Amino acid sequence: MPALGSAADPSTILFSYADTAKLLGVTQRWLEDQVQRRRVPHHRLGRQVRFSASDIEEIEKDARVRAQPRPAGA
């Protein structure tokens, strides 16, 4: 699953498009589109695109939709 990194330091593990899409529950095509539009954080290694654990966390955080409070008396 991980592309690079060591077991001693999980923060250096980089994930592929396929692995990241699976973790996020989205299609690989959607993720590729978001990268092309520079809407999600990622790493470029030459022509390869990879995602760190912190990139994935940031994508999840940015996608969160907060609940709207109910109007008083509703």
PDB file of N, CA and C in Angstrom:
ATOM      1  N   MET A   1       0.817  -1.201   0.000  1.00  0.00           N
ATOM      2  CA  MET A   1       0.000   0.000   0.000  1.00  0.00           C
ATOM      3  C   MET A   1       0.858   1.262   0.000  1.00  0.00           C
ATOM      4  N   PRO A   2       1.699   1.523   1.009  1.00  0.00           N
ATOM      5  CA  PRO A   2       2.506   2.726   1.001  1.00  0.00           C
ATOM      6  C   PRO A   2       3.579   2.684  -0.075  1.00  0.00           C
ATOM      7  N   ALA A   3       3.877   3.849  -0.619  1.00  0.00           N
ATOM      8  CA  ALA A   3       4.880   3.942  -1.668  1.00  0.00           C
ATOM      9  C   ALA A   3       6.283   4.059  -1.090  1.00  0.00           C
ATOM     10  N   LEU A   4       6.455   4.879  -0.088  1.00  0.00           N
ATOM     11  CA  LEU A   4       7.768   5.124   0.503  1.00  0.00           C
ATOM     12  C   LEU A   4       7.636   5.204   2.007  1.00  0.00           C
ATOM     13  N   GLY A   5       8.763   5.192   2.689  1.00  0.00           N
ATOM     14  CA  GLY A   5       8.739   5.403   4.129  1.00  0.00           C
ATOM     15  C   GLY A   5       9.342   4.238   4.871  1.00  0.00           C
ATOM     16  N   SER A   6       9.368   4.382   6.187  1.00  0.00           N
ATOM     17  CA  SER A   6       9.902   3.323   7.019  1.00  0.00           C
ATOM     18  C   SER A   6       8.938   3.030   8.144  1.00  0.00           C
ATOM     19  N   ALA A   7       8.984   1.835   8.657  1.00  0.00           N
ATOM     20  CA  ALA A   7       8.111   1.454   9.762  1.00  0.00           C
ATOM     21  C   ALA A   7       8.414   2.286  11.005  1.00  0.00           C
ATOM     22  N   ALA A   8       9.654   2.766  11.119  1.00  0.00           N
ATOM     23  CA  ALA A   8      10.047   3.544  12.289  1.00  0.00           C
ATOM     24  C   ALA A   8       9.433   4.937  12.288  1.00  0.00           C
ATOM     25  N   ASP A   9       9.126   5.468  11.126  1.00  0.00           N
ATOM     26  CA  ASP A   9       8.581   6.834  11.034  1.00  0.00           C
ATOM     27  C   ASP A   9       7.403   6.847  10.065  1.00  0.00           C
ATOM     28  N   PRO A  10       6.182   6.584  10.571  1.00  0.00           N
ATOM     29  CA  PRO A  10       5.019   6.524   9.684  1.00  0.00           C
ATOM     30  C   PRO A  10       4.683   7.856   9.025  1.00  0.00           C
ATOM     31  N   SER A  11       5.212   8.962   9.544  1.00  0.00           N
ATOM     32  CA  SER A  11       4.919  10.260   8.935  1.00  0.00           C
ATOM     33  C   SER A  11       5.571  10.411   7.568  1.00  0.00           C
ATOM     34  N   THR A  12       6.540   9.544   7.237  1.00  0.00           N
ATOM     35  CA  THR A  12       7.204   9.641   5.939  1.00  0.00           C
ATOM     36  C   THR A  12       6.574   8.735   4.883  1.00  0.00           C
ATOM     37  N   ILE A  13       5.570   7.964   5.258  1.00  0.00           N
ATOM     38  CA  ILE A  13       4.911   7.080   4.297  1.00  0.00           C
ATOM     39  C   ILE A  13       4.111   7.925   3.316  1.00  0.00           C
ATOM     40  N   LEU A  14       4.269   7.633   2.033  1.00  0.00           N
ATOM     41  CA  LEU A  14       3.514   8.326   0.998  1.00  0.00           C
ATOM     42  C   LEU A  14       2.612   7.322   0.287  1.00  0.00           C
ATOM     43  N   PHE A  15       1.371   7.721   0.047  1.00  0.00           N
ATOM     44  CA  PHE A  15       0.366   6.850  -0.533  1.00  0.00           C
ATOM     45  C   PHE A  15       0.094   7.222  -1.988  1.00  0.00           C
ATOM     46  N   SER A  16      -0.250   6.230  -2.779  1.00  0.00           N
ATOM     47  CA  SER A  16      -0.578   6.428  -4.192  1.00  0.00           C
ATOM     48  C   SER A  16      -1.994   6.993  -4.328  1.00  0.00           C
ATOM     49  N   TYR A  17      -2.345   7.362  -5.576  1.00  0.00           N
ATOM     50  CA  TYR A  17      -3.721   7.778  -5.860  1.00  0.00           C
ATOM     51  C   TYR A  17      -4.710   6.706  -5.418  1.00  0.00           C
ATOM     52  N   ALA A  18      -4.460   5.473  -5.843  1.00  0.00           N
ATOM     53  CA  ALA A  18      -5.403   4.379  -5.568  1.00  0.00           C
ATOM     54  C   ALA A  18      -5.582   4.172  -4.065  1.00  0.00           C
ATOM     55  N   ASP A  19      -4.473   4.155  -3.323  1.00  0.00           N
ATOM     56  CA  ASP A  19      -4.552   3.950  -1.880  1.00  0.00           C
ATOM     57  C   ASP A  19      -5.261   5.108  -1.192  1.00  0.00           C
ATOM     58  N   THR A  20      -4.945   6.321  -1.606  1.00  0.00           N
ATOM     59  CA  THR A  20      -5.545   7.502  -0.991  1.00  0.00           C
ATOM     60  C   THR A  20      -7.040   7.563  -1.280  1.00  0.00           C
ATOM     61  N   ALA A  21      -7.424   7.301  -2.518  1.00  0.00           N
ATOM     62  CA  ALA A  21      -8.841   7.301  -2.876  1.00  0.00           C
ATOM     63  C   ALA A  21      -9.602   6.275  -2.049  1.00  0.00           C
ATOM     64  N   LYS A  22      -9.004   5.106  -1.869  1.00  0.00           N
ATOM     65  CA  LYS A  22      -9.644   4.050  -1.078  1.00  0.00           C
ATOM     66  C   LYS A  22      -9.815   4.496   0.372  1.00  0.00           C
ATOM     67  N   LEU A  23      -8.773   5.107   0.938  1.00  0.00           N
ATOM     68  CA  LEU A  23      -8.844   5.585   2.324  1.00  0.00           C
ATOM     69  C   LEU A  23      -9.905   6.671   2.506  1.00  0.00           C
ATOM     70  N   LEU A  24     -10.050   7.536   1.504  1.00  0.00           N
ATOM     71  CA  LEU A  24     -11.005   8.641   1.583  1.00  0.00           C
ATOM     72  C   LEU A  24     -12.426   8.239   1.172  1.00  0.00           C
ATOM     73  N   GLY A  25     -12.546   7.091   0.509  1.00  0.00           N
ATOM     74  CA  GLY A  25     -13.866   6.656   0.046  1.00  0.00           C
ATOM     75  C   GLY A  25     -14.346   7.428  -1.164  1.00  0.00           C
ATOM     76  N   VAL A  26     -13.418   7.824  -2.025  1.00  0.00           N
ATOM     77  CA  VAL A  26     -13.750   8.544  -3.256  1.00  0.00           C
ATOM     78  C   VAL A  26     -13.148   7.777  -4.433  1.00  0.00           C
ATOM     79  N   THR A  27     -13.518   8.171  -5.632  1.00  0.00           N
ATOM     80  CA  THR A  27     -12.935   7.524  -6.798  1.00  0.00           C
ATOM     81  C   THR A  27     -11.552   8.103  -7.083  1.00  0.00           C
ATOM     82  N   GLN A  28     -10.738   7.300  -7.718  1.00  0.00           N
ATOM     83  CA  GLN A  28      -9.408   7.773  -8.094  1.00  0.00           C
ATOM     84  C   GLN A  28      -9.535   8.925  -9.074  1.00  0.00           C
ATOM     85  N   ARG A  29     -10.501   8.874  -9.976  1.00  0.00           N
ATOM     86  CA  ARG A  29     -10.708   9.952 -10.952  1.00  0.00           C
ATOM     87  C   ARG A  29     -11.027  11.277 -10.256  1.00  0.00           C
ATOM     88  N   TRP A  30     -11.863  11.240  -9.216  1.00  0.00           N
ATOM     89  CA  TRP A  30     -12.202  12.453  -8.474  1.00  0.00           C
ATOM     90  C   TRP A  30     -10.938  13.043  -7.851  1.00  0.00           C
ATOM     91  N   LEU A  31     -10.122  12.178  -7.258  1.00  0.00           N
ATOM     92  CA  LEU A  31      -8.894  12.632  -6.611  1.00  0.00           C
ATOM     93  C   LEU A  31      -7.921  13.219  -7.624  1.00  0.00           C
ATOM     94  N   GLU A  32      -7.774  12.571  -8.773  1.00  0.00           N
ATOM     95  CA  GLU A  32      -6.907  13.091  -9.828  1.00  0.00           C
ATOM     96  C   GLU A  32      -7.377  14.471 -10.282  1.00  0.00           C
ATOM     97  N   ASP A  33      -8.677  14.641 -10.405  1.00  0.00           N
ATOM     98  CA  ASP A  33      -9.238  15.931 -10.805  1.00  0.00           C
ATOM     99  C   ASP A  33      -8.933  17.011  -9.763  1.00  0.00           C
ATOM    100  N   GLN A  34      -9.064  16.668  -8.488  1.00  0.00           N
ATOM    101  CA  GLN A  34      -8.778  17.633  -7.428  1.00  0.00           C
ATOM    102  C   GLN A  34      -7.303  18.037  -7.418  1.00  0.00           C
ATOM    103  N   VAL A  35      -6.417  17.085  -7.677  1.00  0.00           N
ATOM    104  CA  VAL A  35      -4.985  17.394  -7.751  1.00  0.00           C
ATOM    105  C   VAL A  35      -4.714  18.299  -8.940  1.00  0.00           C
ATOM    106  N   GLN A  36      -5.290  17.969 -10.093  1.00  0.00           N
ATOM    107  CA  GLN A  36      -5.073  18.773 -11.296  1.00  0.00           C
ATOM    108  C   GLN A  36      -5.519  20.216 -11.067  1.00  0.00           C
ATOM    109  N   ARG A  37      -6.594  20.399 -10.327  1.00  0.00           N
ATOM    110  CA  ARG A  37      -7.104  21.745 -10.035  1.00  0.00           C
ATOM    111  C   ARG A  37      -6.446  22.369  -8.808  1.00  0.00           C
ATOM    112  N   ARG A  38      -5.500  21.643  -8.220  1.00  0.00           N
ATOM    113  CA  ARG A  38      -4.764  22.095  -7.028  1.00  0.00           C
ATOM    114  C   ARG A  38      -5.696  22.411  -5.859  1.00  0.00           C
ATOM    115  N   ARG A  39      -6.677  21.555  -5.660  1.00  0.00           N
ATOM    116  CA  ARG A  39      -7.649  21.730  -4.576  1.00  0.00           C
ATOM    117  C   ARG A  39      -7.334  20.885  -3.354  1.00  0.00           C
ATOM    118  N   VAL A  40      -6.400  19.951  -3.483  1.00  0.00           N
ATOM    119  CA  VAL A  40      -6.022  19.105  -2.349  1.00  0.00           C
ATOM    120  C   VAL A  40      -4.500  19.081  -2.228  1.00  0.00           C
ATOM    121  N   PRO A  41      -3.998  18.970  -0.995  1.00  0.00           N
ATOM    122  CA  PRO A  41      -2.549  18.908  -0.808  1.00  0.00           C
ATOM    123  C   PRO A  41      -1.996  17.576  -1.304  1.00  0.00           C
ATOM    124  N   HIS A  42      -0.807  17.627  -1.849  1.00  0.00           N
ATOM    125  CA  HIS A  42      -0.169  16.421  -2.377  1.00  0.00           C
ATOM    126  C   HIS A  42       1.318  16.687  -2.567  1.00  0.00           C
ATOM    127  N   HIS A  43       2.053  15.634  -2.909  1.00  0.00           N
ATOM    128  CA  HIS A  43       3.491  15.723  -3.186  1.00  0.00           C
ATOM    129  C   HIS A  43       3.725  15.266  -4.611  1.00  0.00           C
ATOM    130  N   ARG A  44       4.618  15.951  -5.298  1.00  0.00           N
ATOM    131  CA  ARG A  44       5.013  15.535  -6.645  1.00  0.00           C
ATOM    132  C   ARG A  44       6.458  15.048  -6.589  1.00  0.00           C
ATOM    133  N   LEU A  45       6.651  13.845  -7.088  1.00  0.00           N
ATOM    134  CA  LEU A  45       7.988  13.260  -7.190  1.00  0.00           C
ATOM    135  C   LEU A  45       8.209  12.998  -8.667  1.00  0.00           C
ATOM    136  N   GLY A  46       8.750  13.984  -9.353  1.00  0.00           N
ATOM    137  CA  GLY A  46       8.817  13.902 -10.811  1.00  0.00           C
ATOM    138  C   GLY A  46       7.387  13.991 -11.344  1.00  0.00           C
ATOM    139  N   ARG A  47       6.971  12.977 -12.082  1.00  0.00           N
ATOM    140  CA  ARG A  47       5.593  12.940 -12.590  1.00  0.00           C
ATOM    141  C   ARG A  47       4.648  12.201 -11.659  1.00  0.00           C
ATOM    142  N   GLN A  48       5.208  11.583 -10.638  1.00  0.00           N
ATOM    143  CA  GLN A  48       4.391  10.817  -9.698  1.00  0.00           C
ATOM    144  C   GLN A  48       3.747  11.738  -8.668  1.00  0.00           C
ATOM    145  N   VAL A  49       2.516  11.441  -8.314  1.00  0.00           N
ATOM    146  CA  VAL A  49       1.810  12.176  -7.267  1.00  0.00           C
ATOM    147  C   VAL A  49       1.616  11.226  -6.096  1.00  0.00           C
ATOM    148  N   ARG A  50       1.924  11.691  -4.907  1.00  0.00           N
ATOM    149  CA  ARG A  50       1.771  10.895  -3.692  1.00  0.00           C
ATOM    150  C   ARG A  50       1.144  11.763  -2.612  1.00  0.00           C
ATOM    151  N   PHE A  51       0.593  11.104  -1.592  1.00  0.00           N
ATOM    152  CA  PHE A  51      -0.091  11.785  -0.500  1.00  0.00           C
ATOM    153  C   PHE A  51       0.464  11.295   0.830  1.00  0.00           C
ATOM    154  N   SER A  52       0.774  12.229   1.719  1.00  0.00           N
ATOM    155  CA  SER A  52       1.229  11.866   3.059  1.00  0.00           C
ATOM    156  C   SER A  52       0.004  11.716   3.956  1.00  0.00           C
ATOM    157  N   ALA A  53       0.224  11.153   5.137  1.00  0.00           N
ATOM    158  CA  ALA A  53      -0.867  11.018   6.098  1.00  0.00           C
ATOM    159  C   ALA A  53      -1.428  12.398   6.456  1.00  0.00           C
ATOM    160  N   SER A  54      -0.564  13.392   6.578  1.00  0.00           N
ATOM    161  CA  SER A  54      -1.053  14.741   6.911  1.00  0.00           C
ATOM    162  C   SER A  54      -1.833  15.346   5.742  1.00  0.00           C
ATOM    163  N   ASP A  55      -1.464  15.022   4.497  1.00  0.00           N
ATOM    164  CA  ASP A  55      -2.250  15.477   3.338  1.00  0.00           C
ATOM    165  C   ASP A  55      -3.658  14.892   3.411  1.00  0.00           C
ATOM    166  N   ILE A  56      -3.744  13.605   3.715  1.00  0.00           N
ATOM    167  CA  ILE A  56      -5.037  12.928   3.781  1.00  0.00           C
ATOM    168  C   ILE A  56      -5.885  13.510   4.906  1.00  0.00           C
ATOM    169  N   GLU A  57      -5.277  13.759   6.055  1.00  0.00           N
ATOM    170  CA  GLU A  57      -5.994  14.380   7.171  1.00  0.00           C
ATOM    171  C   GLU A  57      -6.522  15.756   6.788  1.00  0.00           C
ATOM    172  N   GLU A  58      -5.714  16.534   6.071  1.00  0.00           N
ATOM    173  CA  GLU A  58      -6.130  17.875   5.651  1.00  0.00           C
ATOM    174  C   GLU A  58      -7.280  17.812   4.653  1.00  0.00           C
ATOM    175  N   ILE A  59      -7.235  16.849   3.740  1.00  0.00           N
ATOM    176  CA  ILE A  59      -8.328  16.673   2.775  1.00  0.00           C
ATOM    177  C   ILE A  59      -9.616  16.359   3.531  1.00  0.00           C
ATOM    178  N   GLU A  60      -9.544  15.457   4.499  1.00  0.00           N
ATOM    179  CA  GLU A  60     -10.720  15.111   5.297  1.00  0.00           C
ATOM    180  C   GLU A  60     -11.235  16.320   6.074  1.00  0.00           C
ATOM    181  N   LYS A  61     -10.318  17.073   6.676  1.00  0.00           N
ATOM    182  CA  LYS A  61     -10.697  18.244   7.471  1.00  0.00           C
ATOM    183  C   LYS A  61     -11.376  19.295   6.591  1.00  0.00           C
ATOM    184  N   ASP A  62     -10.810  19.550   5.420  1.00  0.00           N
ATOM    185  CA  ASP A  62     -11.374  20.554   4.517  1.00  0.00           C
ATOM    186  C   ASP A  62     -12.736  20.140   3.963  1.00  0.00           C
ATOM    187  N   ALA A  63     -13.005  18.837   3.923  1.00  0.00           N
ATOM    188  CA  ALA A  63     -14.270  18.337   3.385  1.00  0.00           C
ATOM    189  C   ALA A  63     -15.393  18.340   4.428  1.00  0.00           C
ATOM    190  N   ARG A  64     -15.033  18.555   5.670  1.00  0.00           N
ATOM    191  CA  ARG A  64     -16.033  18.501   6.739  1.00  0.00           C
ATOM    192  C   ARG A  64     -17.046  19.621   6.585  1.00  0.00           C
ATOM    193  N   VAL A  65     -18.301  19.261   6.743  1.00  0.00           N
ATOM    194  CA  VAL A  65     -19.394  20.230   6.690  1.00  0.00           C
ATOM    195  C   VAL A  65     -19.966  20.341   8.091  1.00  0.00           C
ATOM    196  N   ARG A  66     -19.973  21.532   8.603  1.00  0.00           N
ATOM    197  CA  ARG A  66     -20.497  21.762   9.959  1.00  0.00           C
ATOM    198  C   ARG A  66     -22.016  21.834   9.932  1.00  0.00           C
ATOM    199  N   ALA A  67     -22.616  21.313  10.993  1.00  0.00           N
ATOM    200  CA  ALA A  67     -24.076  21.365  11.136  1.00  0.00           C
ATOM    201  C   ALA A  67     -24.509  22.806  11.388  1.00  0.00           C
ATOM    202  N   GLN A  68     -25.644  23.166  10.829  1.00  0.00           N
ATOM    203  CA  GLN A  68     -26.205  24.490  11.053  1.00  0.00           C
ATOM    204  C   GLN A  68     -27.079  24.452  12.304  1.00  0.00           C
ATOM    205  N   PRO A  69     -26.942  25.442  13.193  1.00  0.00           N
ATOM    206  CA  PRO A  69     -27.793  25.446  14.381  1.00  0.00           C
ATOM    207  C   PRO A  69     -29.254  25.685  13.994  1.00  0.00           C
ATOM    208  N   ARG A  70     -30.126  25.075  14.751  1.00  0.00           N
ATOM    209  CA  ARG A  70     -31.557  25.279  14.480  1.00  0.00           C
ATOM    210  C   ARG A  70     -31.954  26.682  14.918  1.00  0.00           C
ATOM    211  N   PRO A  71     -32.856  27.296  14.149  1.00  0.00           N
ATOM    212  CA  PRO A  71     -33.340  28.616  14.569  1.00  0.00           C
ATOM    213  C   PRO A  71     -34.131  28.480  15.883  1.00  0.00           C
ATOM    214  N   ALA A  72     -34.079  29.514  16.705  1.00  0.00           N
ATOM    215  CA  ALA A  72     -34.796  29.506  17.976  1.00  0.00           C
ATOM    216  C   ALA A  72     -36.300  29.319  17.721  1.00  0.00           C
ATOM    217  N   GLY A  73     -36.902  28.462  18.512  1.00  0.00           N
ATOM    218  CA  GLY A  73     -38.348  28.221  18.393  1.00  0.00           C
ATOM    219  C   GLY A  73     -38.722  27.206  17.325  1.00  0.00           C
ATOM    220  N   ALA A  74     -37.763  26.578  16.710  1.00  0.00           N
ATOM    221  CA  ALA A  74     -38.100  25.613  15.648  1.00  0.00           C
ATOM    222  C   ALA A  74     -38.281  24.233  16.203  1.00  0.00           C
TER     223      ALA A  74
END
